[in-house]
Amino acid sequence: MKIYFRLLIIFALLPLFSTAQKLKSQRFYHLIIGTYTKTQDKGLFAYKFDSQTGKLSFESNSEGIKNPSYLAITEDGKNIYTVNESGTDRKGGVSAFNFDAKSGKITFINQEETIGAGPCYLSIAPDGKFVFTANYTGGSVSVLPIQKDKSVGKLKQLIQHEGSSIDKSRQKEPHAHSAIFSPDGSTLFSADLGTDKLYAYNYDSSFSKPLQDAAQPFVTITPGFGPRHFVFNKNADKVYLLSEMSAEVTVFEYKDKVLHTIQNISLNNEDFKGTNGAADIHLSNDGKFLYATNRGSVNEIVIFKVDAESGELSKVGSESSKGKAPRNFIIDPTDQFLLVANQNSDDIYVFKRDKETGLLSYTGEKVAIGSPVCLKMTPVK
């Protein structure tokens, strides 16, 4: 009888072992690149990425789509949604695409207006029912439905941020810069550079207006910091917020849907006297290291070690991005490589990661693309 039960357990676990092994052995991924189309008119690009060698090879591109500067890919890898920063006052929209996860072919479906101007960030709801954009120029968050045919529908809700902060040249009005879900999918957070606030909204897709103010509707960041992007750790008990204007990371404890600041740490050395332009922030997949890009004077990727107990950061080094204005970057799913998009030098560089030290070394792999600003990956099927 004991042998019988042991066999039952083994057979029950076989699918889990198979899935884990498949993920572990995945070698090829599609790298989807969002761009500004001032210097070229292709918009989206798909490259095949080899996670064993770090090499990239061209697959396809979109045609006639203006400024798909930020994008998100559905979990099944079959659809891409992008913002479009275009038109008068960067009045923009959201575009939907079908994506062939085998060949890498990108096919346009449709486009709808965000109403909020200058959309610069996009997220897909965990239940796949809506897309959300952070509108920089308009200082707002737009909510648009995803239809059954995967097209994007007309605006469902627009949340307008209010207020300003101390830098009168850049913070005289709201500038929403990101819209990111908590790991449990219940809360959408939006960092606003113009108001120095991180806003929080409860999400419920059954409501006519899916977003409502959370119990803690916002936290105020140090005046003049200019919050931009942020990430949750895998335990969902820490949030790491990158501020563009101060080039600092603010570490929060996240418990019972409430944020408490536990640390501020600069990307720069104490003697730094240049111009800041902090852009993007990501944790390594093992959670041991955090990376952030800084444009402005330095054009580098800064590396922090994450304390396993407290979650606090300590700086361990930095690496030149090899180009100008490192905007978005991505750590590949195997944790072996980091790819960075340099907007103003029109190139993407591939770095090898040392998993023990977190440090980076250039592999020699480079791709030339006009104004690359967003990098995302999905497995080759």
Protein backbone atom coordinates (compact mmCIF):
# COMPACT_ATOMS: atom_id res chain seq x y z
CA MET A 1 0.00 0.00 0.00
CA LYS A 2 2.83 2.42 0.83
CA ILE A 3 4.42 1.77 -2.57
CA TYR A 4 1.04 2.45 -4.23
CA PHE A 5 0.68 5.83 -2.55
CA ARG A 6 4.29 6.74 -3.38
CA LEU A 7 3.62 5.99 -7.05
CA LEU A 8 0.49 8.16 -6.95
CA ILE A 9 2.49 11.08 -5.57
CA ILE A 10 5.22 10.66 -8.21
CA PHE A 11 2.71 10.58 -11.07
CA ALA A 12 0.91 13.62 -9.63
CA LEU A 13 4.16 15.59 -9.54
CA LEU A 14 5.39 14.59 -13.00
CA PRO A 15 3.61 17.50 -14.79
CA LEU A 16 5.22 19.97 -12.36
CA PHE A 17 8.67 18.47 -12.94
CA SER A 18 8.09 18.60 -16.69
CA THR A 19 7.06 22.27 -16.59
CA ALA A 20 10.00 23.24 -14.38
CA GLN A 21 12.43 21.40 -16.66
CA LYS A 22 10.93 23.08 -19.75
CA LEU A 23 11.37 26.54 -18.24
CA LYS A 24 14.89 25.70 -17.16
CA SER A 25 15.85 24.41 -20.61
CA GLN A 26 14.25 27.28 -22.59
CA ARG A 27 17.00 28.65 -24.78
CA PHE A 28 15.43 31.09 -27.25
CA TYR A 29 13.29 34.15 -26.54
CA HIS A 30 11.77 36.89 -28.64
CA LEU A 31 13.08 40.33 -27.72
CA ILE A 32 10.39 42.91 -28.55
CA ILE A 33 11.71 46.46 -28.90
CA GLY A 34 9.63 49.63 -28.66
CA THR A 35 11.00 52.81 -30.22
CA TYR A 36 10.45 56.43 -31.07
CA THR A 37 9.97 56.72 -34.83
CA LYS A 38 11.63 60.07 -35.45
CA THR A 39 14.66 58.50 -37.15
CA GLN A 40 12.88 55.43 -38.59
CA ASP A 41 9.24 54.42 -39.20
CA LYS A 42 9.14 50.74 -38.28
CA GLY A 43 8.06 51.17 -34.63
CA LEU A 44 8.22 47.67 -33.14
CA PHE A 45 11.05 45.22 -33.76
CA ALA A 46 11.30 41.52 -32.92
CA TYR A 47 14.68 39.80 -32.50
CA LYS A 48 15.44 36.23 -31.47
CA PHE A 49 17.62 36.12 -28.37
CA ASP A 50 19.86 33.14 -27.59
CA SER A 51 20.10 32.83 -23.81
CA GLN A 52 23.19 30.61 -24.07
CA THR A 53 25.29 32.95 -26.19
CA GLY A 54 23.64 36.35 -25.76
CA LYS A 55 23.36 36.73 -29.55
CA LEU A 56 20.49 38.56 -31.28
CA SER A 57 19.07 37.93 -34.77
CA PHE A 58 16.39 39.99 -36.56
CA GLU A 59 12.93 38.47 -37.02
CA SER A 60 10.38 41.14 -38.00
CA ASN A 61 9.08 44.67 -37.49
CA SER A 62 5.82 46.60 -37.58
CA GLU A 63 4.99 49.19 -40.25
CA GLY A 64 3.61 52.70 -39.91
CA ILE A 65 3.07 52.71 -36.14
CA LYS A 66 4.19 55.97 -34.57
CA ASN A 67 6.18 56.06 -31.34
CA PRO A 68 5.31 52.70 -29.72
CA SER A 69 7.61 53.76 -26.90
CA TYR A 70 6.42 51.35 -24.22
CA LEU A 71 4.88 47.90 -24.55
CA ALA A 72 3.51 44.91 -22.69
CA ILE A 73 3.12 41.30 -23.84
CA THR A 74 0.29 39.00 -22.74
CA GLU A 75 1.27 36.02 -20.61
CA ASP A 76 0.62 33.56 -23.45
CA GLY A 77 2.87 35.59 -25.75
CA LYS A 78 0.19 35.96 -28.42
CA ASN A 79 -0.52 39.68 -28.16
CA ILE A 80 1.38 42.95 -27.73
CA TYR A 81 -0.05 46.27 -26.56
CA THR A 82 1.83 49.54 -26.92
CA VAL A 83 1.39 53.20 -26.11
CA ASN A 84 1.66 55.70 -28.96
CA GLU A 85 3.14 59.10 -28.12
CA SER A 86 2.03 61.00 -31.18
CA GLY A 87 -0.09 63.87 -32.48
CA THR A 88 -0.56 67.41 -31.15
CA ASP A 89 0.87 67.78 -27.64
CA ARG A 90 1.82 64.10 -27.85
CA LYS A 91 -1.87 63.20 -27.72
CA GLY A 92 -1.63 59.47 -27.88
CA GLY A 93 -3.24 56.09 -28.01
CA VAL A 94 -2.89 52.38 -27.38
CA SER A 95 -2.22 49.94 -30.22
CA ALA A 96 -2.98 46.21 -30.21
CA PHE A 97 -1.04 43.58 -32.18
CA ASN A 98 -1.17 39.85 -32.75
CA PHE A 99 2.19 38.18 -32.24
CA ASP A 100 3.29 34.83 -33.63
CA ALA A 101 5.34 33.39 -30.78
CA LYS A 102 6.93 30.90 -33.18
CA SER A 103 8.02 33.07 -36.11
CA GLY A 104 8.14 36.47 -34.38
CA LYS A 105 5.74 38.08 -36.87
CA ILE A 106 3.93 41.23 -35.64
CA THR A 107 0.45 42.02 -37.02
CA PHE A 108 -1.41 45.26 -36.27
CA ILE A 109 -5.01 44.95 -34.97
CA ASN A 110 -6.23 48.43 -34.02
CA GLN A 111 -5.58 51.63 -32.10
CA GLU A 112 -7.68 53.70 -29.65
CA GLU A 113 -7.08 57.09 -28.02
CA THR A 114 -5.98 57.30 -24.40
CA ILE A 115 -7.47 60.82 -24.10
CA GLY A 116 -4.70 61.55 -21.58
CA ALA A 117 -1.77 63.12 -23.45
CA GLY A 118 1.72 61.65 -23.71
CA PRO A 119 1.19 58.01 -22.68
CA CYS A 120 4.60 56.68 -21.65
CA TYR A 121 3.90 53.43 -19.78
CA LEU A 122 1.48 50.52 -20.20
CA SER A 123 0.42 47.53 -18.10
CA ILE A 124 -1.98 44.66 -18.74
CA ALA A 125 -4.36 43.68 -15.94
CA PRO A 126 -3.49 40.26 -14.45
CA ASP A 127 -6.95 39.01 -15.49
CA GLY A 128 -6.31 40.19 -19.06
CA LYS A 129 -9.41 42.41 -19.23
CA PHE A 130 -7.89 45.90 -19.39
CA VAL A 131 -4.78 47.86 -20.31
CA PHE A 132 -3.65 50.85 -18.24
CA THR A 133 -1.50 53.74 -19.41
CA ALA A 134 0.40 56.36 -17.44
CA ASN A 135 0.08 59.63 -19.37
CA TYR A 136 3.09 61.86 -18.72
CA THR A 137 1.96 65.06 -20.41
CA GLY A 138 -1.62 64.78 -19.20
CA GLY A 139 -0.70 63.65 -15.68
CA SER A 140 -3.34 60.93 -15.73
CA VAL A 141 -4.04 57.20 -15.88
CA SER A 142 -6.19 55.75 -18.69
CA VAL A 143 -8.12 52.46 -18.54
CA LEU A 144 -9.07 50.75 -21.81
CA PRO A 145 -10.77 47.33 -22.20
CA ILE A 146 -9.30 44.37 -24.10
CA GLN A 147 -11.99 42.94 -26.38
CA LYS A 148 -12.63 39.25 -27.10
CA ASP A 149 -10.76 39.53 -30.40
CA LYS A 150 -7.80 41.07 -28.48
CA SER A 151 -8.34 44.51 -29.97
CA VAL A 152 -8.30 47.45 -27.57
CA GLY A 153 -11.62 49.16 -26.86
CA LYS A 154 -12.52 52.78 -26.24
CA LEU A 155 -11.56 54.53 -23.01
CA LYS A 156 -13.38 53.14 -19.97
CA GLN A 157 -11.96 55.42 -17.26
CA LEU A 158 -9.59 58.37 -16.92
CA ILE A 159 -8.07 59.28 -13.56
CA GLN A 160 -6.61 62.78 -13.41
CA HIS A 161 -3.80 63.44 -10.93
CA GLU A 162 -3.72 66.86 -9.26
CA GLY A 163 -1.01 69.01 -7.70
CA SER A 164 2.61 70.04 -8.16
CA SER A 165 5.94 70.04 -6.32
CA ILE A 166 8.98 72.22 -5.66
CA ASP A 167 10.80 72.20 -9.02
CA LYS A 168 8.86 74.83 -10.98
CA SER A 169 10.49 73.91 -14.30
CA ARG A 170 9.52 70.22 -14.18
CA GLN A 171 6.96 69.84 -11.40
CA LYS A 172 4.42 72.61 -11.92
CA GLU A 173 1.80 69.97 -12.83
CA PRO A 174 1.26 66.20 -12.61
CA HIS A 175 3.33 63.85 -14.79
CA ALA A 176 2.27 60.21 -14.37
CA HIS A 177 5.25 58.03 -15.29
CA SER A 178 4.26 54.43 -14.58
CA ALA A 179 1.30 52.15 -13.86
CA ILE A 180 2.24 48.84 -12.23
CA PHE A 181 0.21 46.16 -10.45
CA SER A 182 0.98 44.68 -7.07
CA PRO A 183 1.99 40.99 -7.40
CA ASP A 184 -1.45 39.83 -6.18
CA GLY A 185 -3.15 41.87 -8.91
CA SER A 186 -5.42 43.75 -6.50
CA THR A 187 -3.79 47.19 -6.61
CA LEU A 188 -2.49 49.43 -9.40
CA PHE A 189 0.24 51.87 -8.40
CA SER A 190 1.21 54.96 -10.40
CA ALA A 191 4.37 57.01 -9.79
CA ASP A 192 3.94 60.71 -10.61
CA LEU A 193 7.08 62.75 -11.27
CA GLY A 194 5.24 66.08 -11.15
CA THR A 195 3.58 65.68 -7.75
CA ASP A 196 6.23 63.55 -5.99
CA LYS A 197 3.63 60.94 -5.13
CA LEU A 198 3.10 57.22 -5.57
CA TYR A 199 -0.65 56.70 -6.03
CA ALA A 200 -2.54 53.48 -5.27
CA TYR A 201 -5.85 52.25 -6.74
CA ASN A 202 -7.90 49.18 -5.93
CA TYR A 203 -8.72 47.17 -9.06
CA ASP A 204 -12.02 45.38 -9.69
CA SER A 205 -12.89 44.51 -13.29
CA SER A 206 -16.59 44.09 -12.47
CA PHE A 207 -17.00 47.81 -11.69
CA SER A 208 -18.01 50.32 -14.35
CA LYS A 209 -14.89 52.22 -13.24
CA PRO A 210 -12.34 49.46 -12.51
CA LEU A 211 -10.01 51.69 -10.45
CA GLN A 212 -10.95 53.22 -7.08
CA ASP A 213 -8.77 54.98 -4.49
CA ALA A 214 -7.03 52.54 -2.15
CA ALA A 215 -7.19 52.85 1.64
CA GLN A 216 -3.73 54.45 1.43
CA PRO A 217 -4.43 56.51 -1.73
CA PHE A 218 -0.85 57.75 -2.05
CA VAL A 219 2.51 58.13 -0.34
CA THR A 220 4.51 61.33 -0.66
CA ILE A 221 8.09 61.07 -1.90
CA THR A 222 10.80 63.54 -0.84
CA PRO A 223 10.03 66.86 -2.62
CA GLY A 224 12.01 67.30 -5.83
CA PHE A 225 12.83 63.60 -6.26
CA GLY A 226 10.54 63.03 -9.29
CA PRO A 227 9.44 59.38 -8.90
CA ARG A 228 9.47 57.37 -12.15
CA HIS A 229 9.58 53.54 -12.14
CA PHE A 230 9.43 50.90 -9.40
CA VAL A 231 9.51 47.15 -8.79
CA PHE A 232 8.18 44.70 -6.19
CA ASN A 233 10.33 41.89 -4.86
CA LYS A 234 9.09 38.29 -5.23
CA ASN A 235 7.86 38.12 -1.64
CA ALA A 236 5.78 41.25 -2.33
CA ASP A 237 6.90 42.78 0.96
CA LYS A 238 9.33 45.37 -0.51
CA VAL A 239 8.98 48.05 -3.18
CA TYR A 240 11.97 49.73 -4.85
CA LEU A 241 11.12 53.14 -6.35
CA LEU A 242 13.50 54.99 -8.68
CA SER A 243 13.28 58.79 -8.82
CA GLU A 244 14.41 60.41 -12.06
CA MET A 245 15.42 63.87 -10.85
CA SER A 246 17.32 62.88 -7.70
CA ALA A 247 18.64 59.55 -9.05
CA GLU A 248 17.76 57.83 -5.77
CA VAL A 249 16.11 54.55 -4.92
CA THR A 250 13.52 54.64 -2.14
CA VAL A 251 12.95 51.28 -0.45
CA PHE A 252 9.53 50.65 1.07
CA GLU A 253 8.23 47.93 3.32
CA TYR A 254 4.85 46.78 1.94
CA LYS A 255 2.53 45.16 4.48
CA ASP A 256 -1.27 45.00 4.61
CA LYS A 257 -1.35 47.23 1.49
CA VAL A 258 0.50 50.02 3.31
CA LEU A 259 3.91 51.42 2.28
CA HIS A 260 6.54 52.53 4.83
CA THR A 261 9.87 54.05 3.77
CA ILE A 262 12.91 52.20 5.14
CA GLN A 263 15.78 53.54 3.00
CA ASN A 264 16.89 56.14 0.45
CA ILE A 265 20.09 55.45 -1.47
CA SER A 266 21.70 57.39 -4.33
CA LEU A 267 22.82 56.02 -7.67
CA ASN A 268 25.67 58.53 -7.62
CA ASN A 269 28.91 58.79 -5.68
CA GLU A 270 29.12 61.49 -3.01
CA ASP A 271 31.27 63.78 -5.18
CA PHE A 272 28.89 63.67 -8.18
CA LYS A 273 28.18 67.12 -9.68
CA GLY A 274 26.60 66.25 -13.05
CA THR A 275 23.08 65.99 -14.42
CA ASN A 276 20.72 63.22 -13.35
CA GLY A 277 18.28 61.31 -15.52
CA ALA A 278 17.45 58.06 -13.73
CA ALA A 279 15.24 55.93 -15.97
CA ASP A 280 14.61 52.25 -15.27
CA ILE A 281 14.89 49.77 -12.42
CA HIS A 282 14.79 45.95 -12.19
CA LEU A 283 15.68 43.17 -9.79
CA SER A 284 17.60 40.12 -10.91
CA ASN A 285 15.33 37.08 -11.13
CA ASP A 286 16.96 35.55 -8.05
CA GLY A 287 16.26 38.77 -6.13
CA LYS A 288 19.87 39.20 -5.01
CA PHE A 289 20.72 42.32 -7.02
CA LEU A 290 18.97 45.47 -8.15
CA TYR A 291 19.94 47.48 -11.24
CA ALA A 292 19.03 51.03 -12.29
CA THR A 293 19.95 53.19 -15.29
CA ASN A 294 21.05 56.81 -15.05
CA ARG A 295 21.15 58.99 -18.16
CA GLY A 296 22.22 62.64 -17.97
CA SER A 297 25.96 63.00 -17.43
CA VAL A 298 26.91 59.43 -16.62
CA ASN A 299 25.05 57.03 -18.98
CA GLU A 300 25.53 54.02 -16.76
CA ILE A 301 23.89 51.03 -15.14
CA VAL A 302 24.22 51.08 -11.35
CA ILE A 303 24.33 47.82 -9.40
CA PHE A 304 23.08 47.25 -5.84
CA LYS A 305 23.16 44.17 -3.65
CA VAL A 306 19.91 43.36 -1.82
CA ASP A 307 20.19 42.37 1.85
CA ALA A 308 18.39 39.04 2.17
CA GLU A 309 16.94 39.90 5.58
CA SER A 310 16.11 43.61 5.52
CA GLY A 311 15.72 44.15 1.78
CA GLU A 312 17.94 47.24 2.02
CA LEU A 313 20.46 48.08 -0.68
CA SER A 314 24.22 48.56 -0.82
CA LYS A 315 25.97 49.80 -3.95
CA VAL A 316 28.47 47.36 -5.42
CA GLY A 317 29.39 49.01 -8.71
CA SER A 318 28.36 50.51 -12.03
CA GLU A 319 28.91 49.87 -15.72
CA SER A 320 28.85 52.18 -18.72
CA SER A 321 25.82 51.59 -20.95
CA LYS A 322 28.20 52.03 -23.94
CA GLY A 323 25.80 54.59 -25.44
CA LYS A 324 23.80 57.72 -24.69
CA ALA A 325 20.60 57.96 -22.61
CA PRO A 326 20.14 54.37 -21.36
CA ARG A 327 16.35 54.25 -21.10
CA ASN A 328 14.85 50.82 -20.54
CA PHE A 329 16.74 47.59 -19.90
CA ILE A 330 15.91 43.96 -19.29
CA ILE A 331 17.47 40.99 -17.49
CA ASP A 332 16.81 37.84 -19.51
CA PRO A 333 14.80 35.00 -17.85
CA THR A 334 17.93 32.89 -17.29
CA ASP A 335 19.53 35.72 -15.24
CA GLN A 336 22.68 35.47 -17.37
CA PHE A 337 22.41 38.62 -19.48
CA LEU A 338 21.34 42.26 -19.22
CA LEU A 339 20.33 44.18 -22.35
CA VAL A 340 20.13 47.98 -22.34
CA ALA A 341 18.46 50.34 -24.83
CA ASN A 342 20.35 53.60 -25.43
CA GLN A 343 17.79 56.03 -26.83
CA ASN A 344 20.06 58.83 -28.04
CA SER A 345 22.84 56.73 -29.57
CA ASP A 346 20.38 54.38 -31.37
CA ASP A 347 21.74 51.10 -30.05
CA ILE A 348 21.21 48.11 -27.75
CA TYR A 349 24.12 46.48 -25.92
CA VAL A 350 24.25 43.03 -24.34
CA PHE A 351 26.08 42.46 -21.05
CA LYS A 352 26.95 39.22 -19.27
CA ARG A 353 25.92 39.07 -15.60
CA ASP A 354 28.04 37.56 -12.87
CA LYS A 355 25.40 35.89 -10.71
CA GLU A 356 27.66 35.89 -7.66
CA THR A 357 28.81 39.52 -7.71
CA GLY A 358 26.06 41.11 -9.80
CA LEU A 359 28.70 42.86 -11.93
CA LEU A 360 28.39 43.27 -15.70
CA SER A 361 30.77 42.76 -18.61
CA TYR A 362 30.14 43.68 -22.25
CA THR A 363 29.75 40.63 -24.51
CA GLY A 364 30.59 42.39 -27.77
CA GLU A 365 26.97 42.03 -28.98
CA LYS A 366 25.34 45.22 -30.23
CA VAL A 367 22.26 46.02 -32.33
CA ALA A 368 21.69 49.35 -34.10
CA ILE A 369 18.07 50.58 -33.96
CA GLY A 370 16.69 54.11 -34.12
CA SER A 371 15.69 55.43 -30.65
CA PRO A 372 15.11 52.15 -28.78
CA VAL A 373 13.30 52.82 -25.50
CA CYS A 374 11.57 49.61 -24.32
CA LEU A 375 12.71 45.97 -24.13
CA LYS A 376 10.48 42.98 -23.34
CA MET A 377 10.94 39.22 -23.75
CA THR A 378 8.63 36.27 -24.36
CA PRO A 379 9.58 32.61 -25.05
CA VAL A 380 9.90 31.27 -28.59
CA LYS A 381 7.17 28.65 -28.92
